[in-house]
Amino acid sequence: MARKKWIIGTVIVVVVVGAVGAKMARGGNKGAEVRLETAARRDLVATVTASGKIKPKTKVDISADITGRIIELPVVEGQRVHKGDLLIRIDPSTFEASVARAEALLASAQAAEIQSVANRDQAERTLGRSKELRAQNPNLVSDEQLEQAQTQYDVAAAISLSSQRQVDQARAGLQESRDQLAKTVLRAPMDGQVTRVAVEAGEVAVPGTFSRETGLLMTVSDLSVIQVNVQVDETDVVRLALGDSAEITIDAYPDTTFSGRVTKISQSSVSLTTAATSSDRAVDYNVEVTLDNPPPDVRPDLSATAKIVTDTRKDALSIPIIALTVREHTPISTETAPQDTTKAKKETEGVFVVQGGLAQFRPVKVGIAGEEHFEVLEGLQPGDSIVAGPYQAIRDLKDSVRVRPMKQTATPAPARGT
């Protein structure tokens, strides 16, 4: 009885396993479910996208060259100014006193110069008379007397020359004091808008000797020409050229797109340390894009994104970007001699072309990349059916494997009465 139960159980297991195997075999024959698309011709636009900040083409940071208390600040942020308008006045009392002191020193030096010149002229006349008398009668003027007259003249001439140099020094000191006094008044260097005021009346202005931010008082910007300063990765910057067109979106104007052109590509990089490790550095380059028609109320430092067009293709044969994959492939050789195929294999870019329900890997050569498609230069013909998704299916797909198209999700019918 036990043996009979064992035989019946074994038969049932065999039947179940066979049924499951048959079902799996039938399911395996259907092939992997993939999304199919056709290689077709499209217009492609290759772009480089980078983010940055709005900035005026020309701006001037106003800072003080002297130390002093601000006694007048007649402008506010956002105010329009013209070249020469008063921006800041620093207390001039100390510098006015310095000018007065320098003027007094100059007057004293000039008086001393007049006296020294008179002494020199007197010594020169005395020396002349001594030489005349000596020429008439050598006994009238001794050698010692002539030497004394010559020495007195030489000393007087030297003092006169020194007095002239002291006058020059005093005059230079006066000019320096006047220049310092003039620096107590800061005026607009150009027509523009005050985009930043960093101080208040009553504060002490100091020169920014060690830090530019420390001495910054205000900023005047020319907002007639607006640029976007973006940072482009080193792998993309080589694709850019001066004059490339761009579309700019400004976060403050979400519903508007502005046009512009690349006007500057930096030749030096800006290295940024990544968060992974301090030794990893992302190398970027500054690129300036000038807006054609900036908004009238735009402000510096607004966040913006520039999509720069690097290349275009009209009616180019293309495939979805997701369809391109990499596989080990043995290049077809025209030589008749046998080759070691294990060593000849190498990773090759290509797509899976579907013919008769089988997906076969085919190498392709691609050109520019649009937003969603690659340009195909070699390897495909218009109308070829290729595997275009999903990503996991393409990743796991093997050469010459049977595939079947994915079922299209039916669009629900609209409800009655709508």
Protein backbone atom coordinates (compact mmCIF):
# COMPACT_ATOMS: atom_id res chain seq x y z
CA MET A 1 0.00 0.00 0.00
CA ALA A 2 2.81 2.40 0.85
CA ARG A 3 4.61 1.54 -2.38
CA LYS A 4 1.45 2.35 -4.36
CA LYS A 5 1.12 5.78 -2.71
CA TRP A 6 4.76 6.49 -3.50
CA ILE A 7 4.29 5.65 -7.19
CA ILE A 8 1.14 7.84 -7.45
CA GLY A 9 2.97 10.75 -5.81
CA THR A 10 5.90 10.41 -8.16
CA VAL A 11 3.62 10.46 -11.19
CA ILE A 12 1.86 13.59 -9.96
CA VAL A 13 5.19 15.38 -9.46
CA VAL A 14 6.35 14.43 -12.93
CA VAL A 15 3.09 15.65 -14.47
CA VAL A 16 3.27 18.96 -12.60
CA VAL A 17 6.91 19.51 -13.49
CA GLY A 18 6.20 18.69 -17.12
CA ALA A 19 3.26 21.08 -17.21
CA VAL A 20 5.32 23.86 -15.69
CA GLY A 21 8.17 23.15 -18.08
CA ALA A 22 5.84 23.16 -21.06
CA LYS A 23 4.32 26.42 -19.93
CA MET A 24 7.77 27.99 -19.46
CA ALA A 25 8.81 26.72 -22.86
CA ARG A 26 5.74 28.23 -24.45
CA GLY A 27 6.38 31.49 -22.61
CA GLY A 28 10.05 31.48 -23.61
CA ASN A 29 9.19 31.13 -27.25
CA LYS A 30 7.26 34.37 -27.11
CA GLY A 31 10.51 36.23 -26.39
CA ALA A 32 11.41 39.25 -24.24
CA GLU A 33 8.89 42.05 -24.23
CA VAL A 34 10.43 45.25 -25.64
CA ARG A 35 9.39 48.57 -27.10
CA LEU A 36 10.05 48.83 -30.81
CA GLU A 37 10.67 51.97 -32.85
CA THR A 38 11.66 52.67 -36.42
CA ALA A 39 14.83 54.48 -37.44
CA ALA A 40 13.49 57.64 -39.07
CA ARG A 41 14.62 61.05 -40.25
CA ARG A 42 14.25 64.03 -37.92
CA ASP A 43 15.58 67.53 -37.41
CA LEU A 44 18.11 67.45 -34.57
CA VAL A 45 19.51 70.25 -32.43
CA ALA A 46 22.58 69.63 -30.24
CA THR A 47 22.76 71.84 -27.15
CA VAL A 48 24.88 72.45 -24.07
CA THR A 49 22.94 73.46 -20.97
CA ALA A 50 24.55 75.35 -18.09
CA SER A 51 23.35 77.39 -15.15
CA GLY A 52 24.65 80.68 -13.83
CA LYS A 53 23.82 84.22 -12.80
CA ILE A 54 22.64 87.38 -14.52
CA LYS A 55 25.24 90.15 -14.54
CA PRO A 56 25.71 93.46 -16.32
CA LYS A 57 28.45 93.65 -18.90
CA THR A 58 29.91 96.68 -17.10
CA LYS A 59 29.81 97.39 -13.38
CA VAL A 60 32.03 99.46 -11.12
CA ASP A 61 32.56 98.77 -7.43
CA ILE A 62 32.96 102.08 -5.61
CA SER A 63 35.46 102.02 -2.76
CA ALA A 64 37.36 104.61 -0.74
CA ASP A 65 41.07 105.33 -1.13
CA ILE A 66 41.13 107.14 2.22
CA THR A 67 39.79 106.58 5.72
CA GLY A 68 37.05 108.91 6.92
CA ARG A 69 33.50 109.18 8.18
CA ILE A 70 30.73 109.33 5.59
CA ILE A 71 28.80 112.57 6.08
CA GLU A 72 26.65 112.52 2.94
CA LEU A 73 25.03 109.64 1.01
CA PRO A 74 22.50 111.10 -1.43
CA VAL A 75 21.71 107.92 -3.44
CA VAL A 76 19.77 104.72 -2.74
CA GLU A 77 19.72 101.28 -4.34
CA GLY A 78 17.92 101.22 -7.67
CA GLN A 79 18.48 104.91 -8.36
CA ARG A 80 19.59 105.99 -11.83
CA VAL A 81 22.71 108.14 -11.88
CA HIS A 82 24.68 109.99 -14.53
CA LYS A 83 28.43 110.28 -14.88
CA GLY A 84 29.73 112.85 -12.39
CA ASP A 85 26.79 112.69 -9.97
CA LEU A 86 27.68 112.80 -6.26
CA LEU A 87 27.56 109.37 -4.65
CA ILE A 88 29.37 109.73 -1.31
CA ARG A 89 30.99 112.57 0.62
CA ILE A 90 33.55 111.81 3.33
CA ASP A 91 34.33 114.26 6.16
CA PRO A 92 37.00 116.57 4.63
CA SER A 93 38.08 118.49 7.77
CA THR A 94 41.27 116.47 8.36
CA PHE A 95 42.27 116.71 4.72
CA GLU A 96 41.49 120.44 4.52
CA ALA A 97 43.84 120.99 7.45
CA SER A 98 46.48 118.95 5.68
CA VAL A 99 46.13 121.15 2.60
CA ALA A 100 46.50 124.31 4.69
CA ARG A 101 49.61 122.91 6.37
CA ALA A 102 51.11 121.97 2.99
CA GLU A 103 50.38 125.46 1.64
CA ALA A 104 52.20 127.03 4.60
CA LEU A 105 55.19 124.73 4.10
CA LEU A 106 55.33 125.67 0.44
CA ALA A 107 55.25 129.38 1.25
CA SER A 108 58.07 128.96 3.78
CA ALA A 109 60.15 126.98 1.29
CA GLN A 110 59.63 129.61 -1.38
CA ALA A 111 60.75 132.37 1.00
CA ALA A 112 63.87 130.40 1.89
CA GLU A 113 64.54 129.88 -1.80
CA ILE A 114 64.37 133.64 -2.44
CA GLN A 115 66.84 134.29 0.38
CA SER A 116 69.24 131.60 -0.84
CA VAL A 117 69.15 132.94 -4.36
CA ALA A 118 70.00 136.41 -3.08
CA ASN A 119 72.92 135.05 -1.06
CA ARG A 120 74.18 133.14 -4.06
CA ASP A 121 74.00 136.20 -6.29
CA GLN A 122 75.87 138.27 -3.68
CA ALA A 123 78.61 135.62 -3.37
CA GLU A 124 78.87 135.50 -7.15
CA ARG A 125 79.39 139.26 -7.40
CA THR A 126 82.01 139.20 -4.65
CA LEU A 127 83.90 136.45 -6.41
CA GLY A 128 83.76 138.40 -9.68
CA ARG A 129 85.23 141.54 -8.14
CA SER A 130 88.00 139.57 -6.48
CA LYS A 131 88.97 138.03 -9.79
CA GLU A 132 89.00 141.45 -11.52
CA LEU A 133 91.26 142.99 -8.86
CA ARG A 134 93.57 139.99 -8.98
CA ALA A 135 93.78 140.38 -12.74
CA GLN A 136 94.68 144.08 -12.43
CA ASN A 137 97.24 143.68 -9.65
CA PRO A 138 98.06 140.31 -8.07
CA ASN A 139 99.17 142.09 -4.90
CA LEU A 140 95.67 143.51 -4.22
CA VAL A 141 94.01 140.08 -3.63
CA SER A 142 95.86 137.22 -2.06
CA ASP A 143 95.38 133.59 -3.01
CA GLU A 144 93.68 132.94 0.33
CA GLN A 145 91.15 135.73 -0.21
CA LEU A 146 90.33 134.46 -3.69
CA GLU A 147 89.86 130.92 -2.36
CA GLN A 148 87.51 132.20 0.39
CA ALA A 149 85.42 134.10 -2.17
CA GLN A 150 85.19 130.99 -4.35
CA THR A 151 84.19 128.83 -1.37
CA GLN A 152 81.49 131.29 -0.25
CA TYR A 153 80.04 131.26 -3.74
CA ASP A 154 80.04 127.45 -3.96
CA VAL A 155 78.28 127.14 -0.59
CA ALA A 156 75.68 129.77 -1.53
CA ALA A 157 75.01 128.03 -4.86
CA ALA A 158 74.54 124.67 -3.09
CA ILE A 159 72.15 126.21 -0.55
CA SER A 160 70.19 127.83 -3.36
CA LEU A 161 69.87 124.52 -5.20
CA SER A 162 68.76 122.80 -1.98
CA SER A 163 66.15 125.50 -1.44
CA GLN A 164 64.77 124.90 -4.93
CA ARG A 165 64.46 121.18 -4.20
CA GLN A 166 62.68 121.93 -0.92
CA VAL A 167 60.23 124.08 -2.84
CA ASP A 168 59.62 121.21 -5.25
CA GLN A 169 59.09 118.86 -2.33
CA ALA A 170 56.67 121.24 -0.62
CA ARG A 171 54.78 121.71 -3.88
CA ALA A 172 54.47 117.91 -4.31
CA GLY A 173 53.26 117.60 -0.72
CA LEU A 174 50.60 120.22 -1.37
CA GLN A 175 49.47 118.37 -4.50
CA GLU A 176 49.25 115.12 -2.53
CA SER A 177 47.16 116.80 0.15
CA ARG A 178 44.86 118.27 -2.45
CA ASP A 179 44.49 114.84 -4.08
CA GLN A 180 43.59 113.32 -0.72
CA LEU A 181 41.04 116.08 -0.18
CA ALA A 182 39.55 115.43 -3.63
CA LYS A 183 39.10 111.76 -2.69
CA THR A 184 36.59 112.75 -0.02
CA VAL A 185 34.08 113.22 -2.83
CA LEU A 186 33.10 110.06 -4.79
CA ARG A 187 31.20 110.57 -8.04
CA ALA A 188 29.54 108.23 -10.53
CA PRO A 189 32.10 106.95 -13.06
CA MET A 190 29.43 106.31 -15.72
CA ASP A 191 25.74 106.43 -16.48
CA GLY A 192 23.96 103.53 -14.83
CA GLN A 193 22.01 102.28 -11.85
CA VAL A 194 23.05 101.94 -8.24
CA THR A 195 22.68 98.19 -7.74
CA ARG A 196 24.20 97.98 -4.28
CA VAL A 197 24.74 100.29 -1.31
CA ALA A 198 26.82 98.61 1.38
CA VAL A 199 27.16 101.50 3.86
CA GLU A 200 25.13 104.11 5.70
CA ALA A 201 25.80 107.77 6.42
CA GLY A 202 27.83 108.02 9.62
CA GLU A 203 29.87 104.88 9.03
CA VAL A 204 33.62 105.02 8.51
CA ALA A 205 34.89 104.29 5.03
CA VAL A 206 38.16 102.37 4.92
CA PRO A 207 40.33 101.36 1.95
CA GLY A 208 40.00 97.72 0.93
CA THR A 209 43.70 96.98 1.28
CA PHE A 210 43.40 93.31 2.18
CA SER A 211 39.81 92.54 1.20
CA ARG A 212 37.80 93.95 -1.64
CA GLU A 213 34.56 93.37 0.25
CA THR A 214 35.85 95.29 3.26
CA GLY A 215 36.31 98.51 1.29
CA LEU A 216 33.22 98.16 -0.93
CA LEU A 217 30.86 101.10 -0.51
CA MET A 218 28.46 100.69 -3.44
CA THR A 219 28.17 99.32 -6.98
CA VAL A 220 27.08 101.16 -10.11
CA SER A 221 26.04 98.94 -13.05
CA ASP A 222 25.29 99.63 -16.69
CA LEU A 223 22.16 97.53 -17.24
CA SER A 224 21.84 98.36 -20.93
CA VAL A 225 23.84 95.21 -21.80
CA ILE A 226 22.94 92.11 -19.77
CA GLN A 227 24.85 88.84 -19.76
CA VAL A 228 24.50 85.39 -18.25
CA ASN A 229 27.71 84.11 -16.71
CA VAL A 230 27.52 80.29 -16.76
CA GLN A 231 30.02 77.55 -15.98
CA VAL A 232 30.39 74.83 -18.62
CA ASP A 233 31.99 71.44 -18.02
CA GLU A 234 35.34 70.76 -19.68
CA THR A 235 33.81 68.01 -21.83
CA ASP A 236 31.26 70.44 -23.31
CA VAL A 237 33.22 73.68 -23.59
CA VAL A 238 35.17 72.39 -26.61
CA ARG A 239 31.87 72.23 -28.52
CA LEU A 240 31.16 75.93 -28.04
CA ALA A 241 32.14 78.77 -30.35
CA LEU A 242 31.77 82.54 -30.23
CA GLY A 243 28.48 83.55 -31.79
CA ASP A 244 26.58 80.35 -30.92
CA SER A 245 22.91 81.11 -30.34
CA ALA A 246 21.32 80.36 -26.99
CA GLU A 247 17.98 80.27 -25.23
CA ILE A 248 18.01 81.75 -21.75
CA THR A 249 15.46 81.13 -19.04
CA ILE A 250 15.51 83.31 -15.93
CA ASP A 251 13.97 81.87 -12.79
CA ALA A 252 12.31 85.20 -12.02
CA TYR A 253 10.54 85.08 -15.43
CA PRO A 254 9.36 81.44 -15.63
CA ASP A 255 7.03 81.94 -18.59
CA THR A 256 9.48 83.80 -20.83
CA THR A 257 12.45 82.62 -22.89
CA PHE A 258 15.11 85.08 -23.99
CA SER A 259 17.51 84.79 -26.90
CA GLY A 260 21.22 85.50 -26.81
CA ARG A 261 24.64 84.65 -28.18
CA VAL A 262 27.94 83.45 -26.78
CA THR A 263 30.27 86.47 -26.53
CA LYS A 264 33.11 85.12 -24.40
CA ILE A 265 34.63 81.71 -23.63
CA SER A 266 37.22 81.77 -20.86
CA GLN A 267 40.63 80.30 -21.63
CA SER A 268 41.32 79.49 -17.97
CA SER A 269 39.38 76.97 -15.91
CA VAL A 270 37.55 77.31 -12.63
CA SER A 271 38.32 74.23 -10.50
CA LEU A 272 35.65 73.28 -7.98
CA THR A 273 36.22 70.68 -5.25
CA THR A 274 33.52 68.02 -5.30
CA ALA A 275 31.74 66.73 -2.22
CA ALA A 276 33.12 63.20 -2.65
CA THR A 277 36.73 63.88 -1.79
CA SER A 278 38.80 66.99 -1.48
CA SER A 279 41.13 65.73 -4.21
CA ASP A 280 38.38 65.34 -6.84
CA ARG A 281 37.94 68.53 -8.79
CA ALA A 282 35.32 69.34 -11.37
CA VAL A 283 36.90 71.53 -14.04
CA ASP A 284 34.54 74.16 -15.47
CA TYR A 285 35.00 77.16 -17.74
CA ASN A 286 33.26 80.51 -17.52
CA VAL A 287 31.15 81.33 -20.57
CA GLU A 288 29.34 84.63 -21.14
CA VAL A 289 26.09 84.79 -23.07
CA THR A 290 24.79 88.26 -23.99
CA LEU A 291 21.00 88.66 -24.10
CA ASP A 292 19.54 90.22 -27.24
CA ASN A 293 16.53 91.85 -25.54
CA PRO A 294 16.80 91.68 -21.75
CA PRO A 295 13.75 92.54 -19.62
CA PRO A 296 13.72 96.19 -18.53
CA ASP A 297 13.50 95.41 -14.79
CA VAL A 298 16.17 92.71 -14.68
CA ARG A 299 18.50 92.63 -11.69
CA PRO A 300 22.04 91.33 -11.23
CA ASP A 301 22.60 87.91 -9.64
CA LEU A 302 19.25 86.44 -10.76
CA SER A 303 19.53 82.71 -11.42
CA ALA A 304 19.39 81.74 -15.09
CA THR A 305 19.92 78.75 -17.37
CA ALA A 306 21.40 78.97 -20.87
CA LYS A 307 20.76 76.33 -23.51
CA ILE A 308 23.47 76.92 -26.11
CA VAL A 309 22.97 75.50 -29.60
CA THR A 310 26.21 73.88 -30.79
CA ASP A 311 25.02 72.12 -33.97
CA THR A 312 21.92 71.36 -36.04
CA ARG A 313 20.97 68.65 -38.51
CA LYS A 314 18.11 68.75 -40.98
CA ASP A 315 16.34 65.51 -41.94
CA ALA A 316 18.97 63.33 -40.23
CA LEU A 317 18.51 59.60 -39.73
CA SER A 318 18.14 59.18 -35.98
CA ILE A 319 17.42 56.74 -33.18
CA PRO A 320 16.30 57.23 -29.57
CA ILE A 321 19.18 57.86 -27.19
CA ILE A 322 18.04 55.00 -24.97
CA ALA A 323 18.39 52.55 -27.88
CA LEU A 324 22.17 52.97 -28.10
CA THR A 325 24.04 50.38 -26.05
CA VAL A 326 27.47 48.76 -25.85
CA ARG A 327 28.29 45.10 -26.47
CA GLU A 328 31.33 43.00 -27.17
CA HIS A 329 31.43 42.57 -30.92
CA THR A 330 33.74 40.77 -33.33
CA PRO A 331 34.57 43.01 -36.31
CA ILE A 332 34.03 41.34 -39.70
CA SER A 333 37.42 40.88 -41.38
CA THR A 334 38.04 40.60 -45.13
CA GLU A 335 41.15 38.47 -44.60
CA THR A 336 40.86 34.78 -45.51
CA ALA A 337 43.27 33.58 -42.84
CA PRO A 338 41.64 32.34 -39.60
CA GLN A 339 41.73 34.82 -36.72
CA ASP A 340 41.57 34.51 -32.96
CA THR A 341 38.06 35.83 -32.37
CA THR A 342 38.49 35.88 -28.59
CA LYS A 343 41.17 38.53 -28.88
CA ALA A 344 39.45 40.44 -31.66
CA LYS A 345 36.31 41.16 -29.64
CA LYS A 346 35.93 44.66 -28.31
CA GLU A 347 33.17 46.81 -26.91
CA THR A 348 31.25 48.48 -29.69
CA GLU A 349 28.35 50.95 -29.73
CA GLY A 350 25.29 49.73 -31.52
CA VAL A 351 21.58 48.92 -31.43
CA PHE A 352 19.46 45.78 -31.55
CA VAL A 353 17.74 45.49 -34.93
CA VAL A 354 14.65 43.28 -34.96
CA GLN A 355 14.14 41.03 -37.99
CA GLY A 356 11.75 38.08 -37.97
CA GLY A 357 11.20 38.43 -34.24
CA LEU A 358 14.93 38.15 -33.46
CA ALA A 359 16.99 40.99 -31.98
CA GLN A 360 20.41 41.16 -33.58
CA PHE A 361 23.13 43.53 -32.38
CA ARG A 362 24.34 45.86 -35.10
CA PRO A 363 27.21 48.35 -34.68
CA VAL A 364 26.37 51.93 -35.59
CA LYS A 365 28.26 55.19 -35.84
CA VAL A 366 26.47 58.16 -34.30
CA GLY A 367 26.89 61.91 -34.76
CA ILE A 368 25.39 64.73 -32.75
CA ALA A 369 22.97 64.17 -29.88
CA GLY A 370 19.66 65.99 -29.73
CA GLU A 371 17.46 66.14 -26.67
CA GLU A 372 16.06 62.62 -27.22
CA HIS A 373 17.73 61.21 -30.35
CA PHE A 374 21.17 60.42 -31.76
CA GLU A 375 22.11 61.14 -35.35
CA VAL A 376 23.07 57.90 -37.16
CA LEU A 377 25.95 58.19 -39.61
CA GLU A 378 26.52 54.51 -40.41
CA GLY A 379 24.92 51.13 -39.71
CA LEU A 380 21.19 51.68 -40.23
CA GLN A 381 18.71 52.43 -42.95
CA PRO A 382 15.44 54.36 -42.66
CA GLY A 383 12.66 51.97 -41.64
CA ASP A 384 14.86 49.54 -39.66
CA SER A 385 13.00 48.31 -36.58
CA ILE A 386 15.09 48.68 -33.43
CA VAL A 387 14.67 47.96 -29.73
CA ALA A 388 14.05 51.28 -28.02
CA GLY A 389 13.25 50.27 -24.47
CA PRO A 390 12.74 49.73 -21.70
CA TYR A 391 16.20 50.39 -20.34
CA GLN A 392 16.45 47.18 -18.30
CA ALA A 393 15.38 45.07 -21.29
CA ILE A 394 18.09 46.62 -23.51
CA ARG A 395 20.66 46.13 -20.77
CA ASP A 396 19.89 42.42 -20.41
CA LEU A 397 19.27 41.70 -24.10
CA LYS A 398 21.52 39.17 -25.83
CA ASP A 399 22.32 38.86 -29.51
CA SER A 400 19.89 36.78 -31.64
CA VAL A 401 17.30 36.53 -28.84
CA ARG A 402 13.62 36.37 -29.70
CA VAL A 403 11.65 39.48 -28.74
CA ARG A 404 8.07 40.61 -28.93
CA PRO A 405 6.61 44.10 -28.92
CA MET A 406 5.18 45.49 -25.71
CA LYS A 407 1.43 45.72 -25.45
CA GLN A 408 0.20 49.25 -25.88
CA THR A 409 -1.65 50.57 -22.87
CA ALA A 410 -5.17 51.30 -23.93
CA THR A 411 -6.31 54.86 -23.48
CA PRO A 412 -9.41 54.88 -21.25
CA ALA A 413 -12.56 55.97 -23.01
CA PRO A 414 -14.04 59.26 -21.83
CA ALA A 415 -16.88 58.99 -19.42
CA ARG A 416 -20.38 59.60 -20.70
CA GLY A 417 -21.60 63.12 -20.46
CA THR A 418 -18.13 64.64 -20.62
